[in-house]
Amino acid sequence: MIRVLFVCLGNICRSPLAEAIFDHKLKISGLNGHFKSDSAGTSDFHIGELPDERTIQCAIKYEIPINHRGRQVNRTDFRDFDYIIAMDDNNLRNLNNLKVRFGYPKKEIHLMRDFVPGSNGLPVPDPYYGGQDGFEEIYKILDEAIDHFLTNVRERHQIYV
């Protein structure tokens, strides 16, 4: 079982939507038996909260089930997840600091858009302070990035379904 953790700041916008899109793609492609996913935030701003209403509306629009409560990244995440994927440079930096503090200095942390050719280093923008259009934009970005991530992981782990 390959375990994947998507991480943003508050765990109510980007990372729960990434988790939902990922799980949906796994289900429709018959890969859900090979993966386990979750999402978390680097901050403690929204622990226990449902995703942002605009995130939920975006998921509903694309008929993607979303069922998550905000949580903060913790020490065991660095032990338990094979892939930890940050949404932007700030969260990547926070995760890299945490992995050292938690005793996992060699743990590789990925940036979500680094899986998309030509998008290395680009963030998944934080839509929190904008309108619904920002959530549409991140949906499209995440949809593409997750396709590339899945292709990469399937090849690396030789998963053929």
N, C-alpha and C. Protein backbone atom coordinates (compact mmCIF):
# COMPACT_ATOMS: atom_id res chain seq x y z
N MET A 1 0.85 -1.18 0.00
CA MET A 1 0.00 0.00 0.00
C MET A 1 0.89 1.24 0.00
N ILE A 2 0.66 2.13 -0.95
CA ILE A 2 1.41 3.37 -1.06
C ILE A 2 0.61 4.48 -0.40
N ARG A 3 1.22 5.15 0.55
CA ARG A 3 0.52 6.18 1.33
C ARG A 3 0.97 7.57 0.88
N VAL A 4 -0.04 8.44 0.62
CA VAL A 4 0.21 9.77 0.07
C VAL A 4 -0.45 10.81 0.98
N LEU A 5 0.31 11.84 1.34
CA LEU A 5 -0.21 12.93 2.16
C LEU A 5 -0.07 14.24 1.39
N PHE A 6 -1.19 14.93 1.21
CA PHE A 6 -1.21 16.24 0.56
C PHE A 6 -1.24 17.31 1.65
N VAL A 7 -0.40 18.35 1.50
CA VAL A 7 -0.25 19.33 2.58
C VAL A 7 -0.34 20.76 2.05
N CYS A 8 -1.18 21.56 2.72
CA CYS A 8 -1.23 23.01 2.49
C CYS A 8 -1.14 23.70 3.85
N LEU A 9 -1.52 24.94 3.92
CA LEU A 9 -1.38 25.68 5.17
C LEU A 9 -2.43 25.30 6.20
N GLY A 10 -3.70 25.48 5.86
CA GLY A 10 -4.76 25.28 6.85
C GLY A 10 -5.53 23.99 6.73
N ASN A 11 -5.32 23.25 5.63
CA ASN A 11 -5.99 21.98 5.39
C ASN A 11 -7.51 22.12 5.24
N ILE A 12 -7.92 23.22 4.60
CA ILE A 12 -9.35 23.37 4.31
C ILE A 12 -9.62 23.73 2.84
N CYS A 13 -8.58 24.01 2.07
CA CYS A 13 -8.77 24.39 0.66
C CYS A 13 -8.06 23.42 -0.28
N ARG A 14 -6.78 23.65 -0.48
CA ARG A 14 -6.03 22.91 -1.49
C ARG A 14 -5.81 21.44 -1.16
N SER A 15 -5.30 21.15 0.01
CA SER A 15 -4.96 19.75 0.31
C SER A 15 -6.17 18.83 0.43
N PRO A 16 -7.29 19.25 1.04
CA PRO A 16 -8.43 18.32 1.03
C PRO A 16 -9.02 18.12 -0.37
N LEU A 17 -8.93 19.17 -1.21
CA LEU A 17 -9.40 19.01 -2.58
C LEU A 17 -8.47 18.07 -3.34
N ALA A 18 -7.16 18.19 -3.14
CA ALA A 18 -6.20 17.28 -3.77
C ALA A 18 -6.48 15.84 -3.33
N GLU A 19 -6.70 15.64 -2.05
CA GLU A 19 -7.00 14.30 -1.53
C GLU A 19 -8.27 13.74 -2.18
N ALA A 20 -9.31 14.57 -2.28
CA ALA A 20 -10.58 14.12 -2.87
C ALA A 20 -10.42 13.78 -4.35
N ILE A 21 -9.72 14.63 -5.09
CA ILE A 21 -9.48 14.36 -6.52
C ILE A 21 -8.68 13.07 -6.67
N PHE A 22 -7.63 12.92 -5.89
CA PHE A 22 -6.78 11.73 -5.92
C PHE A 22 -7.61 10.48 -5.65
N ASP A 23 -8.40 10.49 -4.58
CA ASP A 23 -9.22 9.33 -4.23
C ASP A 23 -10.23 9.01 -5.33
N HIS A 24 -10.81 10.04 -5.92
CA HIS A 24 -11.78 9.85 -7.00
C HIS A 24 -11.11 9.19 -8.21
N LYS A 25 -9.94 9.67 -8.57
CA LYS A 25 -9.19 9.09 -9.70
C LYS A 25 -8.81 7.64 -9.40
N LEU A 26 -8.43 7.35 -8.18
CA LEU A 26 -8.10 5.98 -7.80
C LEU A 26 -9.31 5.07 -7.95
N LYS A 27 -10.45 5.54 -7.49
CA LYS A 27 -11.66 4.72 -7.54
C LYS A 27 -12.07 4.42 -8.98
N ILE A 28 -12.09 5.45 -9.83
CA ILE A 28 -12.57 5.21 -11.20
C ILE A 28 -11.57 4.42 -12.03
N SER A 29 -10.30 4.40 -11.62
CA SER A 29 -9.30 3.63 -12.36
C SER A 29 -9.02 2.26 -11.74
N GLY A 30 -9.71 1.94 -10.64
CA GLY A 30 -9.53 0.65 -10.00
C GLY A 30 -8.23 0.51 -9.22
N LEU A 31 -7.65 1.64 -8.84
CA LEU A 31 -6.37 1.63 -8.13
C LEU A 31 -6.49 1.82 -6.62
N ASN A 32 -7.71 1.99 -6.12
CA ASN A 32 -7.86 2.34 -4.71
C ASN A 32 -7.32 1.29 -3.76
N GLY A 33 -7.14 0.06 -4.18
CA GLY A 33 -6.56 -0.97 -3.33
C GLY A 33 -5.05 -0.84 -3.18
N HIS A 34 -4.44 0.01 -3.99
CA HIS A 34 -3.00 0.17 -3.96
C HIS A 34 -2.54 1.40 -3.18
N PHE A 35 -3.47 2.29 -2.84
CA PHE A 35 -3.11 3.57 -2.24
C PHE A 35 -3.98 3.88 -1.03
N LYS A 36 -3.41 4.68 -0.16
CA LYS A 36 -4.13 5.29 0.97
C LYS A 36 -3.72 6.75 0.99
N SER A 37 -4.68 7.66 1.14
CA SER A 37 -4.34 9.08 1.12
C SER A 37 -4.94 9.81 2.31
N ASP A 38 -4.38 10.98 2.55
CA ASP A 38 -4.88 11.87 3.60
C ASP A 38 -4.39 13.26 3.23
N SER A 39 -4.82 14.24 4.00
CA SER A 39 -4.32 15.60 3.83
C SER A 39 -4.18 16.23 5.20
N ALA A 40 -3.32 17.25 5.25
CA ALA A 40 -3.04 17.92 6.53
C ALA A 40 -2.54 19.33 6.24
N GLY A 41 -2.48 20.13 7.29
CA GLY A 41 -1.97 21.49 7.18
C GLY A 41 -0.72 21.66 8.01
N THR A 42 0.10 22.62 7.62
CA THR A 42 1.28 22.91 8.43
C THR A 42 0.93 23.80 9.63
N SER A 43 -0.23 24.45 9.57
CA SER A 43 -0.66 25.30 10.68
C SER A 43 -1.74 24.59 11.49
N ASP A 44 -2.09 25.17 12.62
CA ASP A 44 -3.16 24.62 13.45
C ASP A 44 -4.43 25.49 13.37
N PHE A 45 -4.55 26.28 12.31
CA PHE A 45 -5.65 27.24 12.19
C PHE A 45 -7.04 26.61 12.12
N HIS A 46 -7.16 25.44 11.49
CA HIS A 46 -8.49 24.89 11.19
C HIS A 46 -8.65 23.44 11.63
N ILE A 47 -7.97 23.05 12.70
CA ILE A 47 -8.07 21.67 13.18
C ILE A 47 -9.53 21.34 13.49
N GLY A 48 -10.00 20.21 12.95
CA GLY A 48 -11.35 19.73 13.20
C GLY A 48 -12.43 20.34 12.32
N GLU A 49 -12.07 21.32 11.52
CA GLU A 49 -13.07 21.98 10.67
C GLU A 49 -13.28 21.23 9.36
N LEU A 50 -14.47 21.41 8.81
CA LEU A 50 -14.76 20.91 7.47
C LEU A 50 -14.00 21.74 6.46
N PRO A 51 -13.82 21.22 5.22
CA PRO A 51 -13.21 22.05 4.19
C PRO A 51 -13.99 23.35 3.98
N ASP A 52 -13.31 24.34 3.48
CA ASP A 52 -13.93 25.62 3.12
C ASP A 52 -15.14 25.35 2.23
N GLU A 53 -16.19 26.12 2.43
CA GLU A 53 -17.42 25.93 1.65
C GLU A 53 -17.16 26.01 0.15
N ARG A 54 -16.25 26.85 -0.26
CA ARG A 54 -15.93 26.97 -1.69
C ARG A 54 -15.23 25.72 -2.21
N THR A 55 -14.45 25.08 -1.36
CA THR A 55 -13.82 23.79 -1.72
C THR A 55 -14.91 22.75 -1.91
N ILE A 56 -15.84 22.72 -0.99
CA ILE A 56 -16.95 21.75 -1.07
C ILE A 56 -17.76 22.00 -2.33
N GLN A 57 -18.08 23.25 -2.64
CA GLN A 57 -18.85 23.57 -3.84
C GLN A 57 -18.12 23.15 -5.10
N CYS A 58 -16.82 23.33 -5.13
CA CYS A 58 -16.01 22.92 -6.28
C CYS A 58 -16.06 21.40 -6.43
N ALA A 59 -15.91 20.68 -5.35
CA ALA A 59 -15.97 19.22 -5.40
C ALA A 59 -17.34 18.74 -5.87
N ILE A 60 -18.39 19.37 -5.39
CA ILE A 60 -19.75 19.00 -5.80
C ILE A 60 -19.92 19.23 -7.30
N LYS A 61 -19.43 20.37 -7.79
CA LYS A 61 -19.54 20.70 -9.21
C LYS A 61 -18.94 19.60 -10.09
N TYR A 62 -17.81 19.03 -9.66
CA TYR A 62 -17.13 18.01 -10.45
C TYR A 62 -17.48 16.59 -9.99
N GLU A 63 -18.51 16.49 -9.14
CA GLU A 63 -19.02 15.20 -8.66
C GLU A 63 -17.93 14.36 -7.99
N ILE A 64 -17.18 15.04 -7.14
CA ILE A 64 -16.10 14.39 -6.41
C ILE A 64 -16.45 14.38 -4.93
N PRO A 65 -16.60 13.19 -4.34
CA PRO A 65 -16.89 13.14 -2.91
C PRO A 65 -15.74 13.73 -2.10
N ILE A 66 -16.09 14.51 -1.10
CA ILE A 66 -15.07 15.08 -0.21
C ILE A 66 -15.55 14.89 1.22
N ASN A 67 -14.71 14.26 2.02
CA ASN A 67 -15.06 13.95 3.40
C ASN A 67 -13.80 14.09 4.23
N HIS A 68 -13.64 15.24 4.86
CA HIS A 68 -12.40 15.49 5.58
C HIS A 68 -12.63 16.49 6.72
N ARG A 69 -11.85 16.36 7.73
CA ARG A 69 -11.77 17.34 8.82
C ARG A 69 -10.33 17.80 8.91
N GLY A 70 -10.13 19.11 9.05
CA GLY A 70 -8.79 19.67 9.09
C GLY A 70 -7.95 19.08 10.22
N ARG A 71 -6.70 18.85 9.91
CA ARG A 71 -5.75 18.37 10.90
C ARG A 71 -4.37 18.95 10.59
N GLN A 72 -3.50 18.90 11.57
CA GLN A 72 -2.15 19.43 11.41
C GLN A 72 -1.16 18.28 11.20
N VAL A 73 -0.15 18.53 10.37
CA VAL A 73 0.92 17.55 10.17
C VAL A 73 1.54 17.21 11.52
N ASN A 74 1.85 15.93 11.71
CA ASN A 74 2.47 15.52 12.96
C ASN A 74 3.67 14.60 12.69
N ARG A 75 4.36 14.26 13.73
CA ARG A 75 5.59 13.45 13.64
C ARG A 75 5.35 12.13 12.90
N THR A 76 4.29 11.44 13.19
CA THR A 76 4.08 10.12 12.59
C THR A 76 3.82 10.20 11.08
N ASP A 77 3.40 11.35 10.59
CA ASP A 77 3.19 11.49 9.15
C ASP A 77 4.49 11.24 8.38
N PHE A 78 5.60 11.67 8.94
CA PHE A 78 6.89 11.51 8.27
C PHE A 78 7.33 10.05 8.25
N ARG A 79 6.85 9.28 9.21
CA ARG A 79 7.14 7.85 9.26
C ARG A 79 6.17 7.07 8.37
N ASP A 80 4.91 7.47 8.40
CA ASP A 80 3.86 6.64 7.81
C ASP A 80 3.60 6.86 6.32
N PHE A 81 3.91 8.03 5.79
CA PHE A 81 3.58 8.31 4.39
C PHE A 81 4.79 8.16 3.48
N ASP A 82 4.55 7.52 2.35
CA ASP A 82 5.60 7.32 1.34
C ASP A 82 5.84 8.59 0.56
N TYR A 83 4.78 9.34 0.30
CA TYR A 83 4.86 10.59 -0.45
C TYR A 83 4.19 11.68 0.37
N ILE A 84 4.92 12.73 0.64
CA ILE A 84 4.37 13.93 1.27
C ILE A 84 4.51 15.03 0.23
N ILE A 85 3.37 15.62 -0.12
CA ILE A 85 3.33 16.56 -1.24
C ILE A 85 2.82 17.92 -0.77
N ALA A 86 3.68 18.92 -0.89
CA ALA A 86 3.35 20.29 -0.48
C ALA A 86 2.73 21.05 -1.65
N MET A 87 1.86 22.00 -1.31
CA MET A 87 1.18 22.79 -2.34
C MET A 87 1.97 24.01 -2.79
N ASP A 88 2.90 24.49 -1.95
CA ASP A 88 3.68 25.68 -2.33
C ASP A 88 5.00 25.70 -1.57
N ASP A 89 5.84 26.68 -1.91
CA ASP A 89 7.17 26.79 -1.30
C ASP A 89 7.14 26.99 0.21
N ASN A 90 6.18 27.78 0.70
CA ASN A 90 6.11 28.01 2.15
C ASN A 90 5.84 26.71 2.90
N ASN A 91 4.90 25.93 2.38
CA ASN A 91 4.61 24.65 3.04
C ASN A 91 5.74 23.65 2.85
N LEU A 92 6.40 23.71 1.71
CA LEU A 92 7.57 22.86 1.48
C LEU A 92 8.66 23.18 2.50
N ARG A 93 8.92 24.46 2.69
CA ARG A 93 9.92 24.90 3.66
C ARG A 93 9.51 24.46 5.08
N ASN A 94 8.25 24.65 5.44
CA ASN A 94 7.77 24.23 6.76
C ASN A 94 7.94 22.73 6.96
N LEU A 95 7.59 21.96 5.93
CA LEU A 95 7.71 20.50 6.03
C LEU A 95 9.17 20.07 6.14
N ASN A 96 10.03 20.72 5.39
CA ASN A 96 11.46 20.39 5.47
C ASN A 96 12.02 20.71 6.85
N ASN A 97 11.54 21.78 7.48
CA ASN A 97 11.96 22.09 8.85
C ASN A 97 11.41 21.06 9.84
N LEU A 98 10.15 20.68 9.66
CA LEU A 98 9.52 19.72 10.56
C LEU A 98 10.18 18.35 10.47
N LYS A 99 10.53 17.93 9.26
CA LYS A 99 11.12 16.58 9.12
C LYS A 99 12.43 16.48 9.90
N VAL A 100 13.19 17.54 9.94
CA VAL A 100 14.43 17.55 10.71
C VAL A 100 14.11 17.54 12.20
N ARG A 101 13.19 18.41 12.59
CA ARG A 101 12.82 18.50 14.01
C ARG A 101 12.23 17.19 14.53
N PHE A 102 11.48 16.49 13.66
CA PHE A 102 10.83 15.24 14.07
C PHE A 102 11.73 14.01 13.90
N GLY A 103 12.95 14.21 13.40
CA GLY A 103 13.88 13.09 13.30
C GLY A 103 13.84 12.30 12.00
N TYR A 104 13.36 12.93 10.93
CA TYR A 104 13.31 12.27 9.62
C TYR A 104 14.02 13.13 8.57
N PRO A 105 15.30 13.45 8.79
CA PRO A 105 15.99 14.41 7.92
C PRO A 105 16.12 13.96 6.46
N LYS A 106 16.07 12.69 6.19
CA LYS A 106 16.24 12.20 4.82
C LYS A 106 14.91 12.04 4.07
N LYS A 107 13.80 12.31 4.73
CA LYS A 107 12.49 12.15 4.10
C LYS A 107 12.36 13.12 2.94
N GLU A 108 12.00 12.61 1.78
CA GLU A 108 11.83 13.46 0.60
C GLU A 108 10.43 14.09 0.61
N ILE A 109 10.38 15.40 0.43
CA ILE A 109 9.12 16.13 0.34
C ILE A 109 9.02 16.65 -1.09
N HIS A 110 7.86 16.50 -1.67
CA HIS A 110 7.64 16.89 -3.07
C HIS A 110 6.77 18.14 -3.15
N LEU A 111 6.94 18.89 -4.21
CA LEU A 111 6.06 20.01 -4.53
C LEU A 111 5.07 19.50 -5.57
N MET A 112 3.78 19.75 -5.36
CA MET A 112 2.73 19.17 -6.19
C MET A 112 2.95 19.35 -7.69
N ARG A 113 3.29 20.55 -8.10
CA ARG A 113 3.38 20.81 -9.54
C ARG A 113 4.70 20.35 -10.15
N ASP A 114 5.62 19.86 -9.33
CA ASP A 114 6.87 19.33 -9.88
C ASP A 114 6.65 18.06 -10.70
N PHE A 115 5.49 17.44 -10.56
CA PHE A 115 5.19 16.25 -11.35
C PHE A 115 4.71 16.59 -12.75
N VAL A 116 4.38 17.87 -12.98
CA VAL A 116 3.89 18.32 -14.28
C VAL A 116 5.07 18.87 -15.09
N PRO A 117 5.35 18.27 -16.25
CA PRO A 117 6.46 18.79 -17.06
C PRO A 117 6.30 20.29 -17.34
N GLY A 118 7.38 21.03 -17.13
CA GLY A 118 7.37 22.46 -17.37
C GLY A 118 6.80 23.30 -16.24
N SER A 119 6.41 22.66 -15.15
CA SER A 119 5.81 23.39 -14.02
C SER A 119 6.64 23.30 -12.74
N ASN A 120 7.88 22.82 -12.84
CA ASN A 120 8.73 22.68 -11.65
C ASN A 120 8.82 24.00 -10.88
N GLY A 121 8.63 23.89 -9.58
CA GLY A 121 8.75 25.04 -8.72
C GLY A 121 7.52 25.92 -8.63
N LEU A 122 6.52 25.66 -9.46
CA LEU A 122 5.31 26.49 -9.43
C LEU A 122 4.40 26.05 -8.29
N PRO A 123 3.75 27.00 -7.63
CA PRO A 123 2.85 26.65 -6.53
C PRO A 123 1.45 26.30 -7.03
N VAL A 124 0.71 25.64 -6.18
CA VAL A 124 -0.75 25.59 -6.31
C VAL A 124 -1.19 26.80 -5.49
N PRO A 125 -1.68 27.87 -6.16
CA PRO A 125 -1.98 29.11 -5.43
C PRO A 125 -3.03 28.91 -4.34
N ASP A 126 -2.89 29.66 -3.26
CA ASP A 126 -3.85 29.59 -2.16
C ASP A 126 -5.07 30.43 -2.53
N PRO A 127 -6.25 29.80 -2.67
CA PRO A 127 -7.45 30.53 -3.09
C PRO A 127 -8.23 31.15 -1.93
N TYR A 128 -7.76 30.98 -0.71
CA TYR A 128 -8.54 31.31 0.48
C TYR A 128 -9.08 32.75 0.49
N TYR A 129 -8.26 33.70 0.09
CA TYR A 129 -8.69 35.10 0.19
C TYR A 129 -9.37 35.62 -1.07
N GLY A 130 -9.64 34.76 -2.02
CA GLY A 130 -10.29 35.17 -3.26
C GLY A 130 -11.70 34.60 -3.35
N GLY A 131 -12.21 34.60 -4.55
CA GLY A 131 -13.55 34.09 -4.80
C GLY A 131 -13.53 32.67 -5.34
N GLN A 132 -14.68 32.25 -5.83
CA GLN A 132 -14.85 30.90 -6.35
C GLN A 132 -13.93 30.61 -7.54
N ASP A 133 -13.59 31.66 -8.30
CA ASP A 133 -12.70 31.47 -9.46
C ASP A 133 -11.36 30.86 -9.05
N GLY A 134 -10.85 31.25 -7.91
CA GLY A 134 -9.59 30.70 -7.42
C GLY A 134 -9.68 29.21 -7.15
N PHE A 135 -10.84 28.78 -6.69
CA PHE A 135 -11.05 27.36 -6.42
C PHE A 135 -11.17 26.57 -7.72
N GLU A 136 -11.77 27.19 -8.73
CA GLU A 136 -11.81 26.57 -10.06
C GLU A 136 -10.40 26.42 -10.61
N GLU A 137 -9.58 27.45 -10.42
CA GLU A 137 -8.20 27.40 -10.91
C GLU A 137 -7.42 26.29 -10.22
N ILE A 138 -7.54 26.18 -8.91
CA ILE A 138 -6.77 25.12 -8.23
C ILE A 138 -7.31 23.74 -8.57
N TYR A 139 -8.61 23.62 -8.83
CA TYR A 139 -9.14 22.33 -9.25
C TYR A 139 -8.44 21.88 -10.54
N LYS A 140 -8.35 22.77 -11.51
CA LYS A 140 -7.73 22.43 -12.80
C LYS A 140 -6.25 22.09 -12.62
N ILE A 141 -5.56 22.88 -11.80
CA ILE A 141 -4.14 22.62 -11.53
C ILE A 141 -3.97 21.26 -10.85
N LEU A 142 -4.76 21.00 -9.82
CA LEU A 142 -4.65 19.74 -9.09
C LEU A 142 -5.03 18.55 -9.95
N ASP A 143 -6.07 18.69 -10.75
CA ASP A 143 -6.51 17.62 -11.62
C ASP A 143 -5.37 17.17 -12.54
N GLU A 144 -4.69 18.13 -13.16
CA GLU A 144 -3.58 17.82 -14.05
C GLU A 144 -2.38 17.26 -13.28
N ALA A 145 -2.02 17.90 -12.17
CA ALA A 145 -0.85 17.47 -11.40
C ALA A 145 -1.04 16.07 -10.84
N ILE A 146 -2.22 15.75 -10.40
CA ILE A 146 -2.48 14.43 -9.83
C ILE A 146 -2.42 13.36 -10.92
N ASP A 147 -2.88 13.67 -12.12
CA ASP A 147 -2.71 12.72 -13.24
C ASP A 147 -1.24 12.40 -13.45
N HIS A 148 -0.41 13.44 -13.49
CA HIS A 148 1.03 13.23 -13.69
C HIS A 148 1.66 12.49 -12.51
N PHE A 149 1.25 12.83 -11.31
CA PHE A 149 1.76 12.15 -10.12
C PHE A 149 1.42 10.66 -10.18
N LEU A 150 0.18 10.35 -10.49
CA LEU A 150 -0.24 8.95 -10.56
C LEU A 150 0.54 8.18 -11.62
N THR A 151 0.75 8.79 -12.77
CA THR A 151 1.53 8.15 -13.82
C THR A 151 2.94 7.86 -13.32
N ASN A 152 3.54 8.84 -12.66
CA ASN A 152 4.89 8.71 -12.13
C ASN A 152 4.97 7.58 -11.11
N VAL A 153 4.05 7.56 -10.18
CA VAL A 153 4.07 6.58 -9.10
C VAL A 153 3.77 5.18 -9.64
N ARG A 154 2.84 5.08 -10.55
CA ARG A 154 2.53 3.77 -11.14
C ARG A 154 3.74 3.19 -11.86
N GLU A 155 4.46 4.03 -12.57
CA GLU A 155 5.67 3.56 -13.26
C GLU A 155 6.75 3.18 -12.24
N ARG A 156 6.96 4.03 -11.27
CA ARG A 156 8.01 3.78 -10.27
C ARG A 156 7.77 2.49 -9.48
N HIS A 157 6.50 2.23 -9.15
CA HIS A 157 6.17 1.07 -8.33
C HIS A 157 5.62 -0.10 -9.16
N GLN A 158 5.64 0.07 -10.47
CA GLN A 158 5.17 -0.96 -11.40
C GLN A 158 3.76 -1.47 -11.06
N ILE A 159 2.85 -0.52 -10.98
CA ILE A 159 1.45 -0.83 -10.72
C ILE A 159 0.70 -0.82 -12.04
N TYR A 160 0.23 -1.97 -12.44
CA TYR A 160 -0.48 -2.11 -13.72
C TYR A 160 -1.85 -2.68 -13.44
N VAL A 161 -2.87 -1.93 -13.74
CA VAL A 161 -4.24 -2.38 -13.53
C VAL A 161 -5.00 -2.22 -14.82
